[in-house]
Amino acid sequence: MLRRALVIAAVFGFCCAAVLMAGAPDYFGDAGKSSWKSEDEGLQVRLGITLYPQGLVKAFDAPERPARPVLLETDSVVPEQIFGVYVVFSGCSEGADGNCDTTVVYEIVLPDGTVAVRQDSLPVWQRPAPAPEMPQLSEGVWVTSADAADPAGAHVVRATVTDHVAGKTIVLERTLVLEHDVASAIRAQAYRSTRE
């Protein structure tokens, strides 16, 4: 399905939207009522999709960031439009070495139910656990785009998050609509031209 698959690490700075820095939303509220956010005995995770992956990384890496930067998520894209898939988390367990060992596997499922693409074992967190009041962006953010030949409609983005120290796995799913109509293509072209 997807033409590009790169990973940007959350430890690098990028130039982008300062608006990501405003506000302090509740990332994990009503975790049991959503397919894209969940918790298991202290481990809290949220699956996100954004059109501003580099700005998101910059917001979380800012030296004086707020506890919870605004995420600016999306639920639809058009072919060739870059988007980022990520996890925000809190509460990973530390191993004997003092570090968490939490990873994620991402999949995108076509409207017919077949898995179009899979990104294996990206790091969520491989360092000492952050304070619970400071949720973190996963160390790896998957940046990709859809092809013009991909089918329009509702695709499922799935994240399987595993805390290897605690032996916990949480599966999250979020719908991403791929639009092919003319108005969407014009919006995507305008988006690309303002970002280049």
C-alpha atoms as a PDB file:
ATOM      1  CA  MET A   1       0.000   0.000   0.000  1.00  0.00           C
ATOM      2  CA  LEU A   2       2.479   2.587   1.060  1.00  0.00           C
ATOM      3  CA  ARG A   3       5.079   4.087  -1.151  1.00  0.00           C
ATOM      4  CA  ARG A   4       7.465   5.466   1.456  1.00  0.00           C
ATOM      5  CA  ALA A   5       8.367   4.138   4.828  1.00  0.00           C
ATOM      6  CA  LEU A   6      10.893   6.050   6.856  1.00  0.00           C
ATOM      7  CA  VAL A   7      11.350   6.422  10.518  1.00  0.00           C
ATOM      8  CA  ILE A   8      12.238   9.648  12.247  1.00  0.00           C
ATOM      9  CA  ALA A   9      13.620   9.408  15.734  1.00  0.00           C
ATOM     10  CA  ALA A  10      12.040  11.474  18.452  1.00  0.00           C
ATOM     11  CA  VAL A  11      15.437  12.540  19.736  1.00  0.00           C
ATOM     12  CA  PHE A  12      16.186  14.806  16.768  1.00  0.00           C
ATOM     13  CA  GLY A  13      14.982  18.384  16.368  1.00  0.00           C
ATOM     14  CA  PHE A  14      13.099  19.531  13.264  1.00  0.00           C
ATOM     15  CA  CYS A  15      11.693  22.899  12.242  1.00  0.00           C
ATOM     16  CA  CYS A  16       7.905  23.076  12.139  1.00  0.00           C
ATOM     17  CA  ALA A  17       4.638  24.164  13.753  1.00  0.00           C
ATOM     18  CA  ALA A  18       5.024  25.948  17.078  1.00  0.00           C
ATOM     19  CA  VAL A  19       1.256  25.649  17.518  1.00  0.00           C
ATOM     20  CA  LEU A  20       1.912  22.069  18.669  1.00  0.00           C
ATOM     21  CA  MET A  21       3.248  23.523  21.897  1.00  0.00           C
ATOM     22  CA  ALA A  22      -0.035  25.040  23.107  1.00  0.00           C
ATOM     23  CA  GLY A  23      -2.450  23.431  25.539  1.00  0.00           C
ATOM     24  CA  ALA A  24      -2.413  20.374  27.772  1.00  0.00           C
ATOM     25  CA  PRO A  25      -4.944  17.779  26.567  1.00  0.00           C
ATOM     26  CA  ASP A  26      -5.715  14.565  28.429  1.00  0.00           C
ATOM     27  CA  TYR A  27      -4.058  11.916  26.244  1.00  0.00           C
ATOM     28  CA  PHE A  28      -5.396   8.832  27.999  1.00  0.00           C
ATOM     29  CA  GLY A  29      -8.834   9.858  29.299  1.00  0.00           C
ATOM     30  CA  ASP A  30     -11.579   7.260  28.739  1.00  0.00           C
ATOM     31  CA  ALA A  31      -8.889   4.783  27.678  1.00  0.00           C
ATOM     32  CA  GLY A  32     -11.258   1.828  27.958  1.00  0.00           C
ATOM     33  CA  LYS A  33     -13.803   3.414  25.611  1.00  0.00           C
ATOM     34  CA  SER A  34     -11.589   3.797  22.561  1.00  0.00           C
ATOM     35  CA  SER A  35      -9.849   1.392  20.189  1.00  0.00           C
ATOM     36  CA  TRP A  36      -6.879   3.763  19.886  1.00  0.00           C
ATOM     37  CA  LYS A  37      -5.986   4.388  23.529  1.00  0.00           C
ATOM     38  CA  SER A  38      -5.676   1.890  26.338  1.00  0.00           C
ATOM     39  CA  GLU A  39      -3.981   1.072  29.624  1.00  0.00           C
ATOM     40  CA  ASP A  40      -2.769  -2.048  31.411  1.00  0.00           C
ATOM     41  CA  GLU A  41      -1.725  -1.751  35.066  1.00  0.00           C
ATOM     42  CA  GLY A  42       0.041   1.599  34.703  1.00  0.00           C
ATOM     43  CA  LEU A  43       1.154   1.312  31.079  1.00  0.00           C
ATOM     44  CA  GLN A  44      -0.887   3.846  29.091  1.00  0.00           C
ATOM     45  CA  VAL A  45      -0.673   4.112  25.303  1.00  0.00           C
ATOM     46  CA  ARG A  46      -2.347   6.163  22.594  1.00  0.00           C
ATOM     47  CA  LEU A  47      -2.083   5.614  18.828  1.00  0.00           C
ATOM     48  CA  GLY A  48      -1.904   8.757  16.727  1.00  0.00           C
ATOM     49  CA  ILE A  49      -1.777   9.797  13.072  1.00  0.00           C
ATOM     50  CA  THR A  50      -0.559  13.256  12.103  1.00  0.00           C
ATOM     51  CA  LEU A  51       0.167  15.287   8.982  1.00  0.00           C
ATOM     52  CA  TYR A  52       2.916  17.092  10.943  1.00  0.00           C
ATOM     53  CA  PRO A  53       5.313  14.355  12.125  1.00  0.00           C
ATOM     54  CA  GLN A  54       8.384  16.584  12.229  1.00  0.00           C
ATOM     55  CA  GLY A  55       6.561  19.295  14.174  1.00  0.00           C
ATOM     56  CA  LEU A  56       5.314  16.674  16.611  1.00  0.00           C
ATOM     57  CA  VAL A  57       8.866  15.443  17.223  1.00  0.00           C
ATOM     58  CA  LYS A  58      10.054  19.008  17.730  1.00  0.00           C
ATOM     59  CA  ALA A  59       7.244  19.739  20.199  1.00  0.00           C
ATOM     60  CA  PHE A  60       8.120  16.738  22.357  1.00  0.00           C
ATOM     61  CA  ASP A  61      11.861  17.439  22.165  1.00  0.00           C
ATOM     62  CA  ALA A  62      11.576  21.125  23.118  1.00  0.00           C
ATOM     63  CA  PRO A  63      13.648  21.873  26.250  1.00  0.00           C
ATOM     64  CA  GLU A  64      10.736  23.616  27.972  1.00  0.00           C
ATOM     65  CA  ARG A  65       7.811  21.723  26.492  1.00  0.00           C
ATOM     66  CA  PRO A  66       4.431  21.569  28.211  1.00  0.00           C
ATOM     67  CA  ALA A  67       3.523  18.285  29.897  1.00  0.00           C
ATOM     68  CA  ARG A  68       1.263  17.392  26.978  1.00  0.00           C
ATOM     69  CA  PRO A  69       1.868  19.098  23.608  1.00  0.00           C
ATOM     70  CA  VAL A  70      -1.161  19.339  21.298  1.00  0.00           C
ATOM     71  CA  LEU A  71      -1.100  16.386  18.873  1.00  0.00           C
ATOM     72  CA  LEU A  72      -2.887  17.795  15.756  1.00  0.00           C
ATOM     73  CA  GLU A  73      -4.168  14.396  14.609  1.00  0.00           C
ATOM     74  CA  THR A  74      -5.880  13.456  11.351  1.00  0.00           C
ATOM     75  CA  ASP A  75      -8.313  10.754  10.259  1.00  0.00           C
ATOM     76  CA  SER A  76      -7.957  11.136   6.475  1.00  0.00           C
ATOM     77  CA  VAL A  77      -5.243  11.483   3.833  1.00  0.00           C
ATOM     78  CA  VAL A  78      -4.974  11.535   0.054  1.00  0.00           C
ATOM     79  CA  PRO A  79      -2.426   9.738  -2.146  1.00  0.00           C
ATOM     80  CA  GLU A  80       1.131  11.098  -1.924  1.00  0.00           C
ATOM     81  CA  GLN A  81       0.360  13.035   1.281  1.00  0.00           C
ATOM     82  CA  ILE A  82       2.993  12.398   3.960  1.00  0.00           C
ATOM     83  CA  PHE A  83       1.684  11.356   7.360  1.00  0.00           C
ATOM     84  CA  GLY A  84       3.212  10.023  10.565  1.00  0.00           C
ATOM     85  CA  VAL A  85       2.059   7.136  12.748  1.00  0.00           C
ATOM     86  CA  TYR A  86       3.181   7.217  16.380  1.00  0.00           C
ATOM     87  CA  VAL A  87       2.467   6.178  19.952  1.00  0.00           C
ATOM     88  CA  VAL A  88       2.315   8.418  23.000  1.00  0.00           C
ATOM     89  CA  PHE A  89       2.814   6.487  26.234  1.00  0.00           C
ATOM     90  CA  SER A  90       3.369   6.620  29.966  1.00  0.00           C
ATOM     91  CA  GLY A  91       4.306   4.004  32.554  1.00  0.00           C
ATOM     92  CA  CYS A  92       6.717   1.590  30.870  1.00  0.00           C
ATOM     93  CA  SER A  93       8.546  -0.771  33.238  1.00  0.00           C
ATOM     94  CA  GLU A  94      12.281  -0.523  33.887  1.00  0.00           C
ATOM     95  CA  GLY A  95      14.453  -3.615  33.657  1.00  0.00           C
ATOM     96  CA  ALA A  96      17.523  -4.595  35.670  1.00  0.00           C
ATOM     97  CA  ASP A  97      19.607  -2.173  33.581  1.00  0.00           C
ATOM     98  CA  GLY A  98      17.329   0.738  34.572  1.00  0.00           C
ATOM     99  CA  ASN A  99      15.834   1.101  31.074  1.00  0.00           C
ATOM    100  CA  CYS A 100      12.444   0.357  29.596  1.00  0.00           C
ATOM    101  CA  ASP A 101      12.297  -2.046  26.658  1.00  0.00           C
ATOM    102  CA  THR A 102       9.073  -1.194  24.850  1.00  0.00           C
ATOM    103  CA  THR A 103       8.535  -1.625  21.111  1.00  0.00           C
ATOM    104  CA  VAL A 104       5.710  -1.295  18.607  1.00  0.00           C
ATOM    105  CA  VAL A 105       4.720  -3.089  15.399  1.00  0.00           C
ATOM    106  CA  TYR A 106       2.572  -1.053  12.996  1.00  0.00           C
ATOM    107  CA  GLU A 107       0.284  -2.455  10.305  1.00  0.00           C
ATOM    108  CA  ILE A 108      -2.025  -0.804   7.796  1.00  0.00           C
ATOM    109  CA  VAL A 109      -5.006  -2.921   6.794  1.00  0.00           C
ATOM    110  CA  LEU A 110      -6.864  -2.338   3.508  1.00  0.00           C
ATOM    111  CA  PRO A 111     -10.661  -2.001   3.381  1.00  0.00           C
ATOM    112  CA  ASP A 112     -10.885  -5.672   2.276  1.00  0.00           C
ATOM    113  CA  GLY A 113      -9.082  -6.793   5.456  1.00  0.00           C
ATOM    114  CA  THR A 114      -5.666  -7.644   4.007  1.00  0.00           C
ATOM    115  CA  VAL A 115      -2.523  -6.262   5.624  1.00  0.00           C
ATOM    116  CA  ALA A 116      -1.005  -3.860   3.105  1.00  0.00           C
ATOM    117  CA  VAL A 117       2.183  -2.993   4.960  1.00  0.00           C
ATOM    118  CA  ARG A 118       3.868  -3.800   8.251  1.00  0.00           C
ATOM    119  CA  GLN A 119       6.617  -1.896  10.072  1.00  0.00           C
ATOM    120  CA  ASP A 120       8.290  -4.221  12.575  1.00  0.00           C
ATOM    121  CA  SER A 121       9.641  -3.491  16.032  1.00  0.00           C
ATOM    122  CA  LEU A 122      10.156   0.249  16.180  1.00  0.00           C
ATOM    123  CA  PRO A 123      11.347   1.499  19.562  1.00  0.00           C
ATOM    124  CA  VAL A 124       8.752   3.072  21.816  1.00  0.00           C
ATOM    125  CA  TRP A 125      11.173   3.634  24.704  1.00  0.00           C
ATOM    126  CA  GLN A 126      14.614   2.133  25.405  1.00  0.00           C
ATOM    127  CA  ARG A 127      15.695   4.518  28.181  1.00  0.00           C
ATOM    128  CA  PRO A 128      14.804   5.093  31.857  1.00  0.00           C
ATOM    129  CA  ALA A 129      11.048   5.459  32.339  1.00  0.00           C
ATOM    130  CA  PRO A 130       9.776   9.036  32.086  1.00  0.00           C
ATOM    131  CA  ALA A 131       7.754  10.522  34.927  1.00  0.00           C
ATOM    132  CA  PRO A 132       4.035   9.591  34.612  1.00  0.00           C
ATOM    133  CA  GLU A 133       3.035  13.267  34.468  1.00  0.00           C
ATOM    134  CA  MET A 134       5.205  13.731  31.355  1.00  0.00           C
ATOM    135  CA  PRO A 135       3.881  11.326  28.678  1.00  0.00           C
ATOM    136  CA  GLN A 136       6.397  10.768  25.895  1.00  0.00           C
ATOM    137  CA  LEU A 137       6.318  10.401  22.142  1.00  0.00           C
ATOM    138  CA  SER A 138       7.628   7.038  20.955  1.00  0.00           C
ATOM    139  CA  GLU A 139      11.295   7.141  19.987  1.00  0.00           C
ATOM    140  CA  GLY A 140      10.392   5.957  16.480  1.00  0.00           C
ATOM    141  CA  VAL A 141       7.747   7.761  14.396  1.00  0.00           C
ATOM    142  CA  TRP A 142       6.782   5.964  11.184  1.00  0.00           C
ATOM    143  CA  VAL A 143       6.526   8.440   8.282  1.00  0.00           C
ATOM    144  CA  THR A 144       4.866   7.207   5.092  1.00  0.00           C
ATOM    145  CA  SER A 145       2.298   7.962   2.368  1.00  0.00           C
ATOM    146  CA  ALA A 146      -0.261   6.146   0.225  1.00  0.00           C
ATOM    147  CA  ASP A 147       0.014   5.414  -3.497  1.00  0.00           C
ATOM    148  CA  ALA A 148      -2.504   6.680  -6.042  1.00  0.00           C
ATOM    149  CA  ALA A 149      -3.246   3.012  -6.877  1.00  0.00           C
ATOM    150  CA  ASP A 150      -4.288   2.216  -3.292  1.00  0.00           C
ATOM    151  CA  PRO A 151      -8.032   1.685  -2.768  1.00  0.00           C
ATOM    152  CA  ALA A 152     -10.067   4.569  -1.398  1.00  0.00           C
ATOM    153  CA  GLY A 153     -11.979   4.072   1.815  1.00  0.00           C
ATOM    154  CA  ALA A 154     -11.447   3.261   5.453  1.00  0.00           C
ATOM    155  CA  HIS A 155      -8.126   1.635   6.263  1.00  0.00           C
ATOM    156  CA  VAL A 156      -7.162   0.419   9.734  1.00  0.00           C
ATOM    157  CA  VAL A 157      -3.898   1.511  11.319  1.00  0.00           C
ATOM    158  CA  ARG A 158      -2.930  -1.040  13.962  1.00  0.00           C
ATOM    159  CA  ALA A 159      -0.230  -0.720  16.630  1.00  0.00           C
ATOM    160  CA  THR A 160       0.879  -3.658  18.763  1.00  0.00           C
ATOM    161  CA  VAL A 161       2.800  -2.207  21.711  1.00  0.00           C
ATOM    162  CA  THR A 162       4.868  -4.571  23.844  1.00  0.00           C
ATOM    163  CA  ASP A 163       6.504  -3.778  27.168  1.00  0.00           C
ATOM    164  CA  HIS A 164       9.097  -6.567  27.147  1.00  0.00           C
ATOM    165  CA  VAL A 165      10.119  -5.973  30.785  1.00  0.00           C
ATOM    166  CA  ALA A 166       6.584  -6.307  32.187  1.00  0.00           C
ATOM    167  CA  GLY A 167       5.449  -8.865  29.605  1.00  0.00           C
ATOM    168  CA  LYS A 168       2.477  -6.726  28.559  1.00  0.00           C
ATOM    169  CA  THR A 169       1.087  -6.262  25.047  1.00  0.00           C
ATOM    170  CA  ILE A 170      -1.579  -3.734  24.043  1.00  0.00           C
ATOM    171  CA  VAL A 171      -3.152  -3.675  20.568  1.00  0.00           C
ATOM    172  CA  LEU A 172      -4.583  -0.372  19.332  1.00  0.00           C
ATOM    173  CA  GLU A 173      -6.493   0.390  16.116  1.00  0.00           C
ATOM    174  CA  ARG A 174      -7.466   3.621  14.444  1.00  0.00           C
ATOM    175  CA  THR A 175      -9.335   4.308  11.201  1.00  0.00           C
ATOM    176  CA  LEU A 176      -7.600   6.282   8.445  1.00  0.00           C
ATOM    177  CA  VAL A 177      -9.663   7.165   5.372  1.00  0.00           C
ATOM    178  CA  LEU A 178      -7.875   7.364   2.026  1.00  0.00           C
ATOM    179  CA  GLU A 179      -9.727   9.832  -0.195  1.00  0.00           C
ATOM    180  CA  HIS A 180      -9.392   9.993  -3.971  1.00  0.00           C
ATOM    181  CA  ASP A 181     -11.910  12.722  -4.864  1.00  0.00           C
ATOM    182  CA  VAL A 182     -10.889  15.910  -6.698  1.00  0.00           C
ATOM    183  CA  ALA A 183     -11.434  18.252  -3.732  1.00  0.00           C
ATOM    184  CA  SER A 184      -9.193  16.080  -1.563  1.00  0.00           C
ATOM    185  CA  ALA A 185      -6.495  16.019  -4.230  1.00  0.00           C
ATOM    186  CA  ILE A 186      -6.570  19.839  -4.403  1.00  0.00           C
ATOM    187  CA  ARG A 187      -6.232  20.066  -0.605  1.00  0.00           C
ATOM    188  CA  ALA A 188      -3.281  17.657  -0.700  1.00  0.00           C
ATOM    189  CA  GLN A 189      -1.591  19.665  -3.463  1.00  0.00           C
ATOM    190  CA  ALA A 190      -2.030  22.843  -1.446  1.00  0.00           C
ATOM    191  CA  TYR A 191      -0.649  21.068   1.631  1.00  0.00           C
ATOM    192  CA  ARG A 192       2.408  19.823  -0.301  1.00  0.00           C
ATOM    193  CA  SER A 193       3.137  23.240  -1.780  1.00  0.00           C
ATOM    194  CA  THR A 194       3.062  24.949   1.631  1.00  0.00           C
ATOM    195  CA  ARG A 195       5.412  22.339   3.126  1.00  0.00           C
ATOM    196  CA  GLU A 196       8.055  22.285   0.359  1.00  0.00           C
END
